[in-house]
C-alpha atoms as a PDB file:
ATOM      1  CA  UNK A   1      -0.005   0.366  -0.196  1.00  0.00           C
ATOM      2  CA  UNK A   2       1.430   3.057  -0.905  1.00  0.00           C
ATOM      3  CA  UNK A   3      -1.047   5.969   0.760  1.00  0.00           C
ATOM      4  CA  UNK A   4      -2.754   5.623   4.179  1.00  0.00           C
ATOM      5  CA  UNK A   5      -6.407   5.219   3.235  1.00  0.00           C
ATOM      6  CA  UNK A   6      -7.908   1.995   4.874  1.00  0.00           C
ATOM      7  CA  UNK A   7      -9.694   0.150   2.363  1.00  0.00           C
ATOM      8  CA  UNK A   8     -13.019  -1.682   3.393  1.00  0.00           C
ATOM      9  CA  UNK A   9     -16.136  -1.694   1.222  1.00  0.00           C
ATOM     10  CA  UNK A  10     -16.509   1.795   0.313  1.00  0.00           C
ATOM     11  CA  UNK A  11     -12.906   2.709   0.285  1.00  0.00           C
ATOM     12  CA  UNK A  12     -11.728  -0.042  -2.859  1.00  0.00           C
ATOM     13  CA  UNK A  13      -8.050  -0.497  -3.220  1.00  0.00           C
ATOM     14  CA  UNK A  14      -6.696  -0.080  -6.642  1.00  0.00           C
ATOM     15  CA  UNK A  15      -3.322  -1.027  -8.571  1.00  0.00           C
ATOM     16  CA  UNK A  16      -1.488   1.625 -10.894  1.00  0.00           C
ATOM     17  CA  UNK A  17      -0.239  -0.481 -13.997  1.00  0.00           C
ATOM     18  CA  UNK A  18       2.073   0.939 -14.567  1.00  0.00           C
ATOM     19  CA  UNK A  19       4.225   0.119 -10.828  1.00  0.00           C
ATOM     20  CA  UNK A  20       1.192  -2.077 -10.091  1.00  0.00           C
ATOM     21  CA  UNK A  21       0.950   0.003  -5.579  1.00  0.00           C
ATOM     22  CA  UNK A  22      -2.246  -0.011  -4.289  1.00  0.00           C
ATOM     23  CA  UNK A  23      -3.951   2.963  -3.965  1.00  0.00           C
ATOM     24  CA  UNK A  24      -6.645   3.998  -3.154  1.00  0.00           C
ATOM     25  CA  UNK A  25      -8.915   5.713  -5.884  1.00  0.00           C
ATOM     26  CA  UNK A  26      -7.825   9.942  -5.634  1.00  0.00           C
ATOM     27  CA  UNK A  27      -4.231   8.412  -5.147  1.00  0.00           C
ATOM     28  CA  UNK A  28      -4.318   6.806  -8.545  1.00  0.00           C
ATOM     29  CA  UNK A  29      -7.144   8.546 -10.386  1.00  0.00           C
ATOM     30  CA  UNK A  30      -4.901   9.135 -13.923  1.00  0.00           C
ATOM     31  CA  UNK A  31      -5.095   7.516 -16.956  1.00  0.00           C
ATOM     32  CA  UNK A  32      -3.077   7.921 -19.238  1.00  0.00           C
ATOM     33  CA  UNK A  33      -1.901   5.518 -22.103  1.00  0.00           C
ATOM     34  CA  UNK A  34       0.941   3.171 -21.325  1.00  0.00           C
ATOM     35  CA  UNK A  35       2.318   2.143 -24.734  1.00  0.00           C
ATOM     36  CA  UNK A  36       5.514   0.933 -23.465  1.00  0.00           C
ATOM     37  CA  UNK A  37       3.913  -1.876 -22.143  1.00  0.00           C
ATOM     38  CA  UNK A  38       1.643  -2.802 -24.836  1.00  0.00           C
ATOM     39  CA  UNK A  39      -1.904  -0.070 -23.044  1.00  0.00           C
ATOM     40  CA  UNK A  40      -3.462   1.053 -26.316  1.00  0.00           C
ATOM     41  CA  UNK A  41      -5.838   2.747 -24.405  1.00  0.00           C
ATOM     42  CA  UNK A  42      -5.522   4.489 -21.132  1.00  0.00           C
ATOM     43  CA  UNK A  43      -4.835   2.964 -18.003  1.00  0.00           C
ATOM     44  CA  UNK A  44      -5.650   3.931 -13.663  1.00  0.00           C
ATOM     45  CA  UNK A  45      -1.655   5.306 -12.820  1.00  0.00           C
ATOM     46  CA  UNK A  46      -0.408   6.900  -9.367  1.00  0.00           C
ATOM     47  CA  UNK A  47       0.860  10.458  -9.499  1.00  0.00           C
ATOM     48  CA  UNK A  48       4.081   9.141  -9.744  1.00  0.00           C
ATOM     49  CA  UNK A  49       3.473   6.584 -12.591  1.00  0.00           C
ATOM     50  CA  UNK A  50       1.194   9.585 -14.787  1.00  0.00           C
ATOM     51  CA  UNK A  51       3.703  11.350 -14.914  1.00  0.00           C
ATOM     52  CA  UNK A  52       6.612   8.819 -16.228  1.00  0.00           C
ATOM     53  CA  UNK A  53       4.566   8.070 -19.179  1.00  0.00           C
ATOM     54  CA  UNK A  54       3.192  11.877 -19.870  1.00  0.00           C
ATOM     55  CA  UNK A  55       6.969  12.067 -21.140  1.00  0.00           C
ATOM     56  CA  UNK A  56       7.250   8.250 -22.182  1.00  0.00           C
ATOM     57  CA  UNK A  57       4.083   9.337 -25.354  1.00  0.00           C
ATOM     58  CA  UNK A  58       6.130  12.287 -25.931  1.00  0.00           C
ATOM     59  CA  UNK A  59       8.910  10.223 -27.158  1.00  0.00           C
ATOM     60  CA  UNK A  60       7.129   8.101 -28.628  1.00  0.00           C
ATOM     61  CA  UNK A  61       5.346  10.640 -30.553  1.00  0.00           C
ATOM     62  CA  UNK A  62       7.626  13.343 -31.561  1.00  0.00           C
ATOM     63  CA  UNK A  63      11.226  11.435 -30.605  1.00  0.00           C
ATOM     64  CA  UNK A  64      11.443   7.878 -31.864  1.00  0.00           C
ATOM     65  CA  UNK A  65      10.541   8.767 -35.479  1.00  0.00           C
ATOM     66  CA  UNK A  66      13.119  10.831 -35.957  1.00  0.00           C
ATOM     67  CA  UNK A  67      15.431   7.884 -34.364  1.00  0.00           C
ATOM     68  CA  UNK A  68      13.293   5.340 -37.053  1.00  0.00           C
ATOM     69  CA  UNK A  69      14.450   7.370 -39.640  1.00  0.00           C
ATOM     70  CA  UNK A  70      18.014   7.664 -39.327  1.00  0.00           C
ATOM     71  CA  UNK A  71      20.973  10.458 -40.527  1.00  0.00           C
ATOM     72  CA  UNK A  72      24.451  10.395 -41.057  1.00  0.00           C
ATOM     73  CA  UNK A  73      27.410  10.830 -39.309  1.00  0.00           C
ATOM     74  CA  UNK A  74      31.354  10.644 -39.491  1.00  0.00           C
ATOM     75  CA  UNK A  75      31.678   7.237 -37.078  1.00  0.00           C
ATOM     76  CA  UNK A  76      34.600   7.112 -35.277  1.00  0.00           C
ATOM     77  CA  UNK A  77      34.745   3.782 -33.778  1.00  0.00           C
ATOM     78  CA  UNK A  78      37.109   2.645 -30.711  1.00  0.00           C
ATOM     79  CA  UNK A  79      41.004   3.995 -30.913  1.00  0.00           C
ATOM     80  CA  UNK A  80      40.861   4.576 -34.675  1.00  0.00           C
ATOM     81  CA  UNK A  81      42.115   7.618 -36.011  1.00  0.00           C
ATOM     82  CA  UNK A  82      39.505   7.922 -39.921  1.00  0.00           C
ATOM     83  CA  UNK A  83      36.073   7.977 -39.514  1.00  0.00           C
ATOM     84  CA  UNK A  84      33.287   6.781 -41.820  1.00  0.00           C
ATOM     85  CA  UNK A  85      30.278   8.465 -43.268  1.00  0.00           C
ATOM     86  CA  UNK A  86      27.224   6.093 -41.669  1.00  0.00           C
ATOM     87  CA  UNK A  87      23.815   6.436 -41.502  1.00  0.00           C
ATOM     88  CA  UNK A  88      22.088   5.257 -37.432  1.00  0.00           C
ATOM     89  CA  UNK A  89      18.980   4.709 -36.616  1.00  0.00           C
ATOM     90  CA  UNK A  90      17.654   2.905 -34.083  1.00  0.00           C
ATOM     91  CA  UNK A  91      16.164  -0.606 -34.817  1.00  0.00           C
ATOM     92  CA  UNK A  92      12.088  -0.838 -35.558  1.00  0.00           C
ATOM     93  CA  UNK A  93      12.090  -3.238 -32.551  1.00  0.00           C
ATOM     94  CA  UNK A  94      13.949  -0.583 -30.704  1.00  0.00           C
ATOM     95  CA  UNK A  95      16.385  -2.771 -29.256  1.00  0.00           C
ATOM     96  CA  UNK A  96      19.596  -1.962 -31.472  1.00  0.00           C
ATOM     97  CA  UNK A  97      21.076   0.609 -33.084  1.00  0.00           C
ATOM     98  CA  UNK A  98      22.047   0.070 -36.938  1.00  0.00           C
ATOM     99  CA  UNK A  99      25.057   1.788 -38.063  1.00  0.00           C
ATOM    100  CA  UNK A 100      25.466   1.369 -41.907  1.00  0.00           C
ATOM    101  CA  UNK A 101      27.672   2.397 -43.998  1.00  0.00           C
ATOM    102  CA  UNK A 102      31.051   0.383 -45.711  1.00  0.00           C
ATOM    103  CA  UNK A 103      31.137  -1.300 -42.793  1.00  0.00           C
ATOM    104  CA  UNK A 104      27.788  -2.214 -40.310  1.00  0.00           C
ATOM    105  CA  UNK A 105      27.180  -2.738 -36.229  1.00  0.00           C
ATOM    106  CA  UNK A 106      24.712  -3.186 -34.423  1.00  0.00           C
ATOM    107  CA  UNK A 107      24.476  -1.732 -31.035  1.00  0.00           C
ATOM    108  CA  UNK A 108      22.488  -3.491 -28.068  1.00  0.00           C
ATOM    109  CA  UNK A 109      20.423  -0.828 -26.116  1.00  0.00           C
ATOM    110  CA  UNK A 110      21.050  -2.429 -22.878  1.00  0.00           C
ATOM    111  CA  UNK A 111      25.015  -2.363 -23.063  1.00  0.00           C
ATOM    112  CA  UNK A 112      25.190   1.279 -23.785  1.00  0.00           C
ATOM    113  CA  UNK A 113      26.189   2.632 -20.819  1.00  0.00           C
ATOM    114  CA  UNK A 114      27.440   6.187 -21.657  1.00  0.00           C
ATOM    115  CA  UNK A 115      26.059   8.760 -23.682  1.00  0.00           C
ATOM    116  CA  UNK A 116      27.379  12.599 -23.875  1.00  0.00           C
ATOM    117  CA  UNK A 117      26.084  14.829 -26.342  1.00  0.00           C
ATOM    118  CA  UNK A 118      28.877  16.590 -28.072  1.00  0.00           C
ATOM    119  CA  UNK A 119      28.307  20.559 -27.601  1.00  0.00           C
ATOM    120  CA  UNK A 120      30.612  23.700 -29.703  1.00  0.00           C
ATOM    121  CA  UNK A 121      30.227  27.114 -28.381  1.00  0.00           C
ATOM    122  CA  UNK A 122      26.680  29.359 -27.048  1.00  0.00           C
ATOM    123  CA  UNK A 123      25.371  31.658 -29.410  1.00  0.00           C
ATOM    124  CA  UNK A 124      25.553  35.164 -29.003  1.00  0.00           C
ATOM    125  CA  UNK A 125      23.487  37.037 -25.886  1.00  0.00           C
ATOM    126  CA  UNK A 126      23.073  33.365 -24.430  1.00  0.00           C
ATOM    127  CA  UNK A 127      20.974  30.609 -25.421  1.00  0.00           C
ATOM    128  CA  UNK A 128      21.982  26.576 -25.917  1.00  0.00           C
ATOM    129  CA  UNK A 129      24.773  25.687 -27.310  1.00  0.00           C
ATOM    130  CA  UNK A 130      24.935  24.135 -30.979  1.00  0.00           C
ATOM    131  CA  UNK A 131      24.545  19.992 -30.770  1.00  0.00           C
ATOM    132  CA  UNK A 132      27.575  18.740 -32.726  1.00  0.00           C
ATOM    133  CA  UNK A 133      27.831  15.140 -31.987  1.00  0.00           C
ATOM    134  CA  UNK A 134      27.514  12.332 -29.260  1.00  0.00           C
ATOM    135  CA  UNK A 135      30.207  10.103 -27.627  1.00  0.00           C
ATOM    136  CA  UNK A 136      28.989   6.077 -26.649  1.00  0.00           C
ATOM    137  CA  UNK A 137      30.463   4.063 -24.218  1.00  0.00           C
ATOM    138  CA  UNK A 138      29.441   0.307 -24.722  1.00  0.00           C
ATOM    139  CA  UNK A 139      30.381  -3.066 -23.708  1.00  0.00           C
ATOM    140  CA  UNK A 140      30.314  -6.242 -26.091  1.00  0.00           C
ATOM    141  CA  UNK A 141      29.071  -8.878 -24.993  1.00  0.00           C
ATOM    142  CA  UNK A 142      32.062 -12.151 -24.681  1.00  0.00           C
ATOM    143  CA  UNK A 143      34.807  -8.826 -24.409  1.00  0.00           C
ATOM    144  CA  UNK A 144      36.312  -7.445 -21.402  1.00  0.00           C
ATOM    145  CA  UNK A 145      36.089  -3.586 -21.493  1.00  0.00           C
ATOM    146  CA  UNK A 146      33.942  -0.323 -22.904  1.00  0.00           C
ATOM    147  CA  UNK A 147      34.338   0.213 -26.991  1.00  0.00           C
ATOM    148  CA  UNK A 148      33.799   3.912 -27.258  1.00  0.00           C
ATOM    149  CA  UNK A 149      32.142   5.616 -30.617  1.00  0.00           C
ATOM    150  CA  UNK A 150      31.865   8.943 -31.516  1.00  0.00           C
ATOM    151  CA  UNK A 151      29.223   9.828 -34.223  1.00  0.00           C
ATOM    152  CA  UNK A 152      29.876  13.546 -35.026  1.00  0.00           C
ATOM    153  CA  UNK A 153      27.200  15.608 -37.395  1.00  0.00           C
ATOM    154  CA  UNK A 154      28.070  16.313 -40.958  1.00  0.00           C
ATOM    155  CA  UNK A 155      28.760  19.534 -41.737  1.00  0.00           C
ATOM    156  CA  UNK A 156      28.111  19.771 -45.267  1.00  0.00           C
ATOM    157  CA  UNK A 157      23.928  20.410 -46.278  1.00  0.00           C
ATOM    158  CA  UNK A 158      23.985  17.711 -49.154  1.00  0.00           C
ATOM    159  CA  UNK A 159      24.175  15.638 -46.230  1.00  0.00           C
ATOM    160  CA  UNK A 160      21.657  16.432 -43.857  1.00  0.00           C
ATOM    161  CA  UNK A 161      22.782  18.257 -41.043  1.00  0.00           C
ATOM    162  CA  UNK A 162      19.231  19.468 -39.462  1.00  0.00           C
ATOM    163  CA  UNK A 163      18.722  15.784 -39.343  1.00  0.00           C
ATOM    164  CA  UNK A 164      21.373  14.751 -37.703  1.00  0.00           C
ATOM    165  CA  UNK A 165      20.977  16.878 -34.867  1.00  0.00           C
ATOM    166  CA  UNK A 166      17.307  16.223 -34.510  1.00  0.00           C
ATOM    167  CA  UNK A 167      18.394  12.553 -34.273  1.00  0.00           C
ATOM    168  CA  UNK A 168      21.597  14.096 -31.227  1.00  0.00           C
ATOM    169  CA  UNK A 169      19.170  15.423 -29.710  1.00  0.00           C
ATOM    170  CA  UNK A 170      16.597  12.549 -29.657  1.00  0.00           C
ATOM    171  CA  UNK A 171      18.424   9.737 -28.741  1.00  0.00           C
ATOM    172  CA  UNK A 172      20.022  12.283 -25.538  1.00  0.00           C
ATOM    173  CA  UNK A 173      16.149  12.764 -24.842  1.00  0.00           C
ATOM    174  CA  UNK A 174      16.081   8.631 -25.638  1.00  0.00           C
ATOM    175  CA  UNK A 175      18.529   8.520 -22.762  1.00  0.00           C
ATOM    176  CA  UNK A 176      17.756  10.480 -19.751  1.00  0.00           C
ATOM    177  CA  UNK A 177      14.303   7.934 -20.161  1.00  0.00           C
ATOM    178  CA  UNK A 178      15.933   5.125 -20.065  1.00  0.00           C
ATOM    179  CA  UNK A 179      18.086   6.467 -16.695  1.00  0.00           C
ATOM    180  CA  UNK A 180      14.911   7.372 -15.093  1.00  0.00           C
ATOM    181  CA  UNK A 181      13.025   4.676 -15.721  1.00  0.00           C
ATOM    182  CA  UNK A 182      15.941   1.848 -14.493  1.00  0.00           C
ATOM    183  CA  UNK A 183      15.145   4.386 -10.529  1.00  0.00           C
ATOM    184  CA  UNK A 184      11.948   2.613 -10.916  1.00  0.00           C
END
């Protein structure tokens, strides 16, 4: 039980469909879609879970499409000195990061341990720094140590820098959501 209500015939228990804890009607009255658990229609959730579910719904509606469509980056893998131009995208089952160019790599999302957005400068008069790339660290099953990967948005306008920056921002938001959901 997560609230101090005394349950009886008039005061019923309600389960949050996200965390599974018991609440009174007042503490578990929000109905929010819960796509990650395949609930299409809104379901009863406690206030804390509803807040996270709203963030996830926004992510599914906006950023997920960007990650699935992918973007072009200069990719530096491990200690390699020469970057390769590759398309980076999220797999349709949302479990892998695919890197496709002359080479092909699949990185399992659960093995990514570090995601750091790389930025440059601050615009005059304040504002946000401009995303230029991303640094990832991940483990490869069956090997020791951590592998590093650097994605750099290509400066060439023909390749779609705007799409690359949108992809970087979406990936950063995805990593933040995953990090926050580990606490639940």
